[in-house]
């Protein structure tokens, strides 16, 4: 009887951890990859040797 109870507690624990991990992965959003170096050039943010210390 103790074996079944410990097995049930283990299954519930693994289930809760996997549910939390699944929800965290599902709701994670990746940043959009629309950046190009041309964006910096048009906004006037160009690195040059004069600006570097």
Protein backbone atom coordinates (compact mmCIF):
# COMPACT_ATOMS: atom_id res chain seq x y z
CA UNK A 1 0.00 0.00 0.00
CA UNK A 2 2.87 2.38 0.80
CA UNK A 3 4.41 1.61 -2.58
CA UNK A 4 1.22 2.62 -4.42
CA UNK A 5 0.92 5.81 -2.40
CA UNK A 6 4.52 6.81 -3.07
CA UNK A 7 4.06 5.96 -6.76
CA UNK A 8 0.93 8.13 -6.90
CA UNK A 9 2.73 11.05 -5.23
CA UNK A 10 5.63 10.67 -7.66
CA UNK A 11 3.32 10.64 -10.69
CA UNK A 12 1.48 13.73 -9.44
CA UNK A 13 4.79 15.52 -8.81
CA UNK A 14 6.14 14.69 -12.28
CA UNK A 15 2.82 15.70 -13.83
CA UNK A 16 2.82 19.09 -12.12
CA UNK A 17 6.43 19.81 -13.08
CA UNK A 18 5.82 18.81 -16.69
CA UNK A 19 2.65 20.95 -16.83
CA UNK A 20 4.55 23.99 -15.55
CA UNK A 21 7.38 23.46 -18.03
CA UNK A 22 4.93 22.93 -20.91
CA UNK A 23 3.06 26.14 -20.13
CA UNK A 24 6.30 28.09 -19.78
CA UNK A 25 7.53 26.87 -23.17
CA UNK A 26 4.18 27.43 -24.86
CA UNK A 27 3.78 31.02 -23.67
CA UNK A 28 7.38 32.05 -24.38
CA UNK A 29 7.54 34.48 -27.26
CA UNK A 30 10.64 34.93 -29.36
CA UNK A 31 11.63 38.46 -30.38
CA UNK A 32 10.88 39.44 -33.94
CA UNK A 33 13.82 39.16 -36.31
CA UNK A 34 13.12 42.23 -38.44
CA UNK A 35 16.33 44.13 -37.59
CA UNK A 36 18.76 45.05 -40.33
CA UNK A 37 21.91 47.22 -40.15
CA UNK A 38 20.16 49.57 -42.60
CA UNK A 39 17.84 50.56 -39.72
CA UNK A 40 20.80 52.01 -37.80
CA UNK A 41 22.10 53.82 -40.87
CA UNK A 42 18.76 55.52 -41.55
CA UNK A 43 18.45 56.61 -37.91
CA UNK A 44 21.97 58.05 -37.90
CA UNK A 45 23.47 55.52 -35.51
CA UNK A 46 26.58 54.53 -37.39
CA UNK A 47 29.64 53.34 -35.52
CA UNK A 48 32.80 54.97 -36.68
CA UNK A 49 36.39 54.89 -35.46
CA UNK A 50 36.05 58.46 -34.13
CA UNK A 51 33.30 57.48 -31.67
CA UNK A 52 35.15 54.51 -30.23
CA UNK A 53 37.33 55.08 -27.20
